[in-house]
């Protein structure tokens, strides 16, 4: 079975981004401390757990840093902490990006600082260093590091996507809140991370695209006809693609109240497209459908 196990490990390593794998994260429902028992590590790794490969996390920081500088040339040449303080904070998305930059900045300093210490203890990646007479510290789970990298990917990739700023903020907000849960200790010049209050839970794990919906306006409310089966927002996090007066809107299920929203709230979900209603070409594969002819076999 070892050959099969090694093959599966190689599959995850090379093609993991194409696999719809579950995400396992710890949750504590009480303050009672209880520790599970674990088997001894394999002989080949008897030296104990090692910190995860830092390259992907450092690359995520470098991409974010370069993107932020390209948008705000005044940031170029600033020390990282001064750059964080100077980052734009006009929108909710800006504020979320700034805080993730701040977290990744500590990880970068720990890895690249000559006196930095990075180790794994009790399943937590513990990093610390002293930078310009300030003690920097970040204790975070391995999944927390992956969430940081995922946040950066989405934050940068959303620039080319048709989703509105409201949609982007809802998605990144959920990533950020999940990242904070994975942080066990944090310390920098300001000590405390910025606190956010989300408007609603947004399912970042998977989304359903729906363009064949029925809706109508009831006074000043747009009401979507959602069947009883699909009304559970947690089980069916649907993105509704609807065209109103020749303009495309992408409205997440979580933003609805009683299956609808006010007409005045609709502009916040307007899609970012070149002509107001045409999706990018690569979205075609997400909406492909074949008309079934009643009475004919499906094979």
Protein backbone atom coordinates (compact mmCIF):
# COMPACT_ATOMS: atom_id res chain seq x y z
CA UNK A 1 0.00 0.00 0.00
CA UNK A 2 2.96 2.33 0.44
CA UNK A 3 3.32 2.72 -3.33
CA UNK A 4 -0.33 3.75 -3.56
CA UNK A 5 0.05 6.16 -0.63
CA UNK A 6 3.11 7.73 -2.26
CA UNK A 7 1.24 8.03 -5.58
CA UNK A 8 -1.70 9.77 -3.92
CA UNK A 9 0.66 12.13 -2.12
CA UNK A 10 2.30 12.99 -5.45
CA UNK A 11 -1.15 13.52 -7.00
CA UNK A 12 -2.07 16.01 -4.27
CA UNK A 13 1.27 17.78 -4.65
CA UNK A 14 1.12 18.17 -8.44
CA UNK A 15 -2.60 18.48 -9.09
CA UNK A 16 -4.05 19.51 -5.74
CA UNK A 17 -5.49 22.73 -7.14
CA UNK A 18 -7.75 20.65 -9.39
CA UNK A 19 -9.08 18.46 -6.58
CA UNK A 20 -12.23 19.41 -4.66
CA UNK A 21 -10.87 18.29 -1.31
CA UNK A 22 -12.52 19.06 2.05
CA UNK A 23 -10.89 21.63 4.30
CA UNK A 24 -10.22 20.45 7.84
CA UNK A 25 -10.02 23.13 10.51
CA UNK A 26 -10.18 22.88 14.27
CA UNK A 27 -13.13 24.28 16.20
CA UNK A 28 -13.41 24.54 20.00
CA UNK A 29 -16.90 24.40 21.48
CA UNK A 30 -15.83 24.84 25.11
CA UNK A 31 -12.89 26.01 27.19
CA UNK A 32 -12.25 22.52 28.54
CA UNK A 33 -8.79 21.37 27.53
CA UNK A 34 -8.67 17.88 26.11
CA UNK A 35 -5.84 16.48 24.06
CA UNK A 36 -6.05 13.52 21.70
CA UNK A 37 -3.41 10.83 21.52
CA UNK A 38 -1.33 10.51 18.36
CA UNK A 39 0.85 7.74 17.01
CA UNK A 40 4.59 8.12 16.98
CA UNK A 41 5.98 9.71 13.79
CA UNK A 42 7.34 7.34 11.11
CA UNK A 43 10.98 6.43 11.51
CA UNK A 44 11.94 8.51 8.48
CA UNK A 45 10.62 11.63 10.20
CA UNK A 46 11.60 10.85 13.79
CA UNK A 47 13.09 14.31 14.16
CA UNK A 48 9.56 15.66 14.58
CA UNK A 49 7.31 17.91 12.50
CA UNK A 50 8.91 20.54 10.33
CA UNK A 51 7.56 23.99 9.48
CA UNK A 52 5.69 24.05 6.16
CA UNK A 53 7.57 25.15 3.07
CA UNK A 54 7.83 28.94 3.33
CA UNK A 55 8.25 29.60 -0.40
CA UNK A 56 4.54 29.69 -1.28
CA UNK A 57 3.73 32.04 1.60
CA UNK A 58 6.67 34.32 0.80
CA UNK A 59 5.62 34.32 -2.86
CA UNK A 60 2.09 35.35 -1.88
CA UNK A 61 3.49 38.27 0.11
CA UNK A 62 5.80 39.30 -2.75
CA UNK A 63 2.90 39.27 -5.22
CA UNK A 64 0.71 41.32 -2.91
CA UNK A 65 3.51 43.77 -2.15
CA UNK A 66 4.28 44.26 -5.85
CA UNK A 67 0.60 44.68 -6.75
CA UNK A 68 0.06 47.30 -4.05
CA UNK A 69 3.14 49.24 -5.14
CA UNK A 70 2.03 49.18 -8.78
CA UNK A 71 -1.29 50.78 -7.80
CA UNK A 72 0.24 53.30 -5.39
CA UNK A 73 3.73 54.33 -6.56
CA UNK A 74 4.18 56.43 -3.40
CA UNK A 75 4.60 53.17 -1.47
CA UNK A 76 7.81 52.31 -3.29
CA UNK A 77 10.89 52.45 -1.09
CA UNK A 78 9.02 52.59 2.22
CA UNK A 79 9.86 50.22 5.06
CA UNK A 80 7.26 47.47 5.33
CA UNK A 81 5.62 48.84 8.47
CA UNK A 82 5.46 52.34 7.04
CA UNK A 83 4.07 50.87 3.85
CA UNK A 84 1.33 49.11 5.82
CA UNK A 85 0.40 52.40 7.51
CA UNK A 86 0.24 54.12 4.11
CA UNK A 87 -1.92 51.51 2.37
CA UNK A 88 -5.27 52.81 1.03
CA UNK A 89 -8.29 52.14 3.22
CA UNK A 90 -11.12 53.67 1.23
CA UNK A 91 -13.17 50.48 0.95
CA UNK A 92 -13.83 47.42 3.06
CA UNK A 93 -11.73 45.38 0.63
CA UNK A 94 -8.81 47.82 1.05
CA UNK A 95 -8.95 47.41 4.83
CA UNK A 96 -9.01 43.61 4.60
CA UNK A 97 -6.04 43.58 2.22
CA UNK A 98 -4.09 45.88 4.54
CA UNK A 99 -4.54 43.55 7.51
CA UNK A 100 -3.50 40.47 5.54
CA UNK A 101 -0.44 42.40 4.33
CA UNK A 102 0.32 43.13 7.96
CA UNK A 103 0.11 39.44 8.94
CA UNK A 104 2.23 38.26 6.01
CA UNK A 105 4.78 40.95 6.75
CA UNK A 106 5.49 39.29 10.12
CA UNK A 107 5.91 35.87 8.49
CA UNK A 108 8.30 37.34 5.93
CA UNK A 109 10.33 39.05 8.64
CA UNK A 110 10.59 35.84 10.66
CA UNK A 111 11.74 33.73 7.70
CA UNK A 112 14.23 36.22 6.26
CA UNK A 113 15.53 37.77 9.49
CA UNK A 114 18.88 36.34 10.60
CA UNK A 115 17.58 36.00 14.15
CA UNK A 116 14.16 34.68 13.19
CA UNK A 117 12.88 31.44 14.73
CA UNK A 118 10.31 29.19 13.03
CA UNK A 119 9.19 25.89 14.51
CA UNK A 120 6.16 23.62 14.82
CA UNK A 121 4.84 22.74 18.25
CA UNK A 122 1.53 21.06 19.05
CA UNK A 123 0.39 21.54 15.47
CA UNK A 124 1.05 25.29 15.48
CA UNK A 125 3.63 27.10 13.35
CA UNK A 126 5.39 29.44 15.75
CA UNK A 127 7.42 32.30 14.35
CA UNK A 128 9.18 35.14 16.16
CA UNK A 129 11.96 37.65 15.64
CA UNK A 130 13.11 41.11 16.68
CA UNK A 131 12.94 43.77 14.00
CA UNK A 132 14.13 47.30 14.69
CA UNK A 133 13.82 46.80 18.46
CA UNK A 134 10.25 45.51 18.10
CA UNK A 135 9.28 41.94 18.97
CA UNK A 136 7.33 40.34 16.13
CA UNK A 137 5.42 37.13 16.70
CA UNK A 138 2.98 35.01 14.73
CA UNK A 139 1.62 31.66 15.88
CA UNK A 140 -0.67 30.20 13.25
CA UNK A 141 -1.91 26.82 12.09
CA UNK A 142 -0.66 25.37 8.76
CA UNK A 143 -4.17 25.76 7.31
CA UNK A 144 -4.02 29.41 8.38
CA UNK A 145 -0.98 29.90 6.15
CA UNK A 146 -2.85 28.30 3.23
CA UNK A 147 -5.78 30.62 3.88
CA UNK A 148 -3.44 33.63 3.77
CA UNK A 149 -2.12 32.47 0.40
CA UNK A 150 -5.67 31.86 -0.83
CA UNK A 151 -6.73 35.34 0.31
CA UNK A 152 -3.93 36.92 -1.73
CA UNK A 153 -4.85 34.87 -4.79
CA UNK A 154 -8.50 35.92 -4.62
CA UNK A 155 -7.75 39.54 -3.76
CA UNK A 156 -5.58 39.90 -6.87
CA UNK A 157 -7.63 37.67 -9.17
CA UNK A 158 -10.87 39.49 -8.37
CA UNK A 159 -9.51 42.48 -10.28
CA UNK A 160 -10.21 40.68 -13.57
CA UNK A 161 -13.43 39.01 -12.47
CA UNK A 162 -16.94 40.42 -13.10
CA UNK A 163 -17.89 40.39 -9.43
CA UNK A 164 -18.78 43.67 -7.77
CA UNK A 165 -16.83 45.26 -4.93
CA UNK A 166 -19.60 44.21 -2.53
CA UNK A 167 -19.20 40.58 -3.63
CA UNK A 168 -15.41 40.77 -3.37
CA UNK A 169 -15.63 42.23 0.13
CA UNK A 170 -18.03 39.50 1.28
CA UNK A 171 -15.74 36.77 -0.02
CA UNK A 172 -12.52 38.25 1.38
CA UNK A 173 -14.21 39.04 4.69
CA UNK A 174 -14.96 35.36 5.23
CA UNK A 175 -11.39 34.42 4.38
CA UNK A 176 -10.05 36.99 6.81
CA UNK A 177 -12.32 35.95 9.68
CA UNK A 178 -11.29 32.32 9.17
CA UNK A 179 -7.62 33.36 9.11
CA UNK A 180 -7.99 35.18 12.44
CA UNK A 181 -9.43 32.02 14.04
CA UNK A 182 -6.28 30.14 12.97
CA UNK A 183 -3.97 32.71 14.62
CA UNK A 184 -3.04 31.74 18.18
CA UNK A 185 -0.63 34.59 18.94
CA UNK A 186 0.07 37.87 17.20
CA UNK A 187 2.38 40.75 18.01
CA UNK A 188 3.77 43.66 16.04
CA UNK A 189 4.16 47.43 16.48
CA UNK A 190 0.41 47.91 17.02
CA UNK A 191 -0.27 44.59 18.78
CA UNK A 192 -3.95 44.20 17.83
CA UNK A 193 -5.40 43.29 14.45
CA UNK A 194 -8.16 45.48 13.03
CA UNK A 195 -11.60 44.18 13.96
CA UNK A 196 -14.28 43.72 11.29
CA UNK A 197 -18.01 43.14 11.56
CA UNK A 198 -19.47 41.14 8.72
CA UNK A 199 -22.97 41.74 7.42
CA UNK A 200 -23.70 38.05 6.91
CA UNK A 201 -21.96 34.71 6.61
CA UNK A 202 -20.65 34.11 3.10
CA UNK A 203 -19.82 30.57 1.97
CA UNK A 204 -16.32 30.75 0.51
CA UNK A 205 -15.93 26.97 0.11
CA UNK A 206 -18.21 26.53 -2.89
CA UNK A 207 -20.77 28.50 -4.88
CA UNK A 208 -23.66 27.57 -7.17
CA UNK A 209 -24.13 29.62 -10.36
CA UNK A 210 -27.74 30.17 -11.41
CA UNK A 211 -28.88 32.10 -14.49
CA UNK A 212 -32.26 30.49 -15.24
CA UNK A 213 -34.12 32.05 -12.34
CA UNK A 214 -37.51 33.72 -12.16
CA UNK A 215 -37.90 37.07 -10.41
CA UNK A 216 -40.25 40.01 -10.22
CA UNK A 217 -40.51 43.43 -8.61
CA UNK A 218 -43.02 43.81 -5.80
CA UNK A 219 -43.09 47.53 -5.24
CA UNK A 220 -39.54 48.52 -4.32
CA UNK A 221 -38.37 44.94 -3.71
CA UNK A 222 -36.90 42.50 -6.17
CA UNK A 223 -38.12 39.02 -5.23
CA UNK A 224 -36.49 35.85 -6.60
CA UNK A 225 -38.55 32.69 -6.90
CA UNK A 226 -36.44 30.21 -4.93
CA UNK A 227 -38.01 26.80 -4.52
CA UNK A 228 -38.44 25.42 -1.03
CA UNK A 229 -35.68 22.90 -1.63
CA UNK A 230 -33.04 25.58 -2.29
CA UNK A 231 -33.88 28.19 0.35
CA UNK A 232 -31.30 27.03 2.89
CA UNK A 233 -28.44 29.50 2.34
CA UNK A 234 -25.87 27.29 4.07
CA UNK A 235 -26.61 24.27 1.86
CA UNK A 236 -27.20 26.28 -1.33
CA UNK A 237 -24.90 29.35 -1.49
CA UNK A 238 -26.21 30.45 -4.87
CA UNK A 239 -24.99 33.33 -7.01
CA UNK A 240 -27.98 34.62 -8.95
CA UNK A 241 -27.11 36.04 -12.38
CA UNK A 242 -29.96 38.29 -13.48
CA UNK A 243 -30.35 41.01 -16.10
CA UNK A 244 -32.47 44.01 -15.18
CA UNK A 245 -32.94 46.72 -17.82
CA UNK A 246 -30.03 45.41 -19.93
CA UNK A 247 -27.62 45.34 -16.99
CA UNK A 248 -26.16 42.22 -15.37
CA UNK A 249 -26.18 41.72 -11.61
CA UNK A 250 -24.56 38.92 -9.59
CA UNK A 251 -26.42 38.66 -6.29
CA UNK A 252 -25.33 36.12 -3.64
CA UNK A 253 -28.02 34.16 -1.84
CA UNK A 254 -26.67 35.35 1.51
CA UNK A 255 -27.49 38.98 0.65
CA UNK A 256 -31.20 38.25 0.29
CA UNK A 257 -33.83 38.75 2.96
CA UNK A 258 -37.06 36.79 2.46
CA UNK A 259 -35.83 35.81 -1.02
CA UNK A 260 -35.37 39.40 -2.15
CA UNK A 261 -33.70 42.76 -1.71
CA UNK A 262 -34.60 46.41 -2.16
CA UNK A 263 -34.30 47.98 -5.59
CA UNK A 264 -31.94 50.56 -4.06
CA UNK A 265 -29.57 47.74 -2.98
CA UNK A 266 -29.32 46.23 -6.46
CA UNK A 267 -26.60 48.57 -7.86
CA UNK A 268 -24.12 47.27 -5.26
CA UNK A 269 -24.19 43.91 -7.06
CA UNK A 270 -23.76 45.21 -10.62
CA UNK A 271 -21.29 43.05 -12.55
CA UNK A 272 -18.04 44.64 -13.73
CA UNK A 273 -18.15 44.04 -17.48
CA UNK A 274 -17.10 45.92 -20.60
CA UNK A 275 -20.65 46.46 -21.84
CA UNK A 276 -22.70 46.01 -18.70
CA UNK A 277 -24.08 42.55 -19.39
CA UNK A 278 -21.54 40.25 -21.14
CA UNK A 279 -19.55 37.84 -18.98
CA UNK A 280 -15.90 36.95 -19.74
CA UNK A 281 -15.48 34.22 -22.35
CA UNK A 282 -14.15 31.63 -19.89
CA UNK A 283 -17.42 31.75 -17.95
CA UNK A 284 -19.07 29.78 -20.76
CA UNK A 285 -17.98 26.46 -19.31
CA UNK A 286 -19.77 27.30 -16.07
CA UNK A 287 -23.14 27.71 -17.75
CA UNK A 288 -23.12 24.98 -20.38
CA UNK A 289 -26.36 23.06 -20.66
CA UNK A 290 -27.91 20.68 -23.15
CA UNK A 291 -31.64 20.73 -23.73
CA UNK A 292 -33.09 17.33 -22.86
CA UNK A 293 -35.74 15.98 -25.21
CA UNK A 294 -38.50 14.18 -23.33
CA UNK A 295 -38.80 10.52 -24.29
CA UNK A 296 -35.29 10.08 -25.66
CA UNK A 297 -32.69 8.04 -23.75
CA UNK A 298 -29.95 9.95 -21.90
CA UNK A 299 -27.18 7.78 -23.37
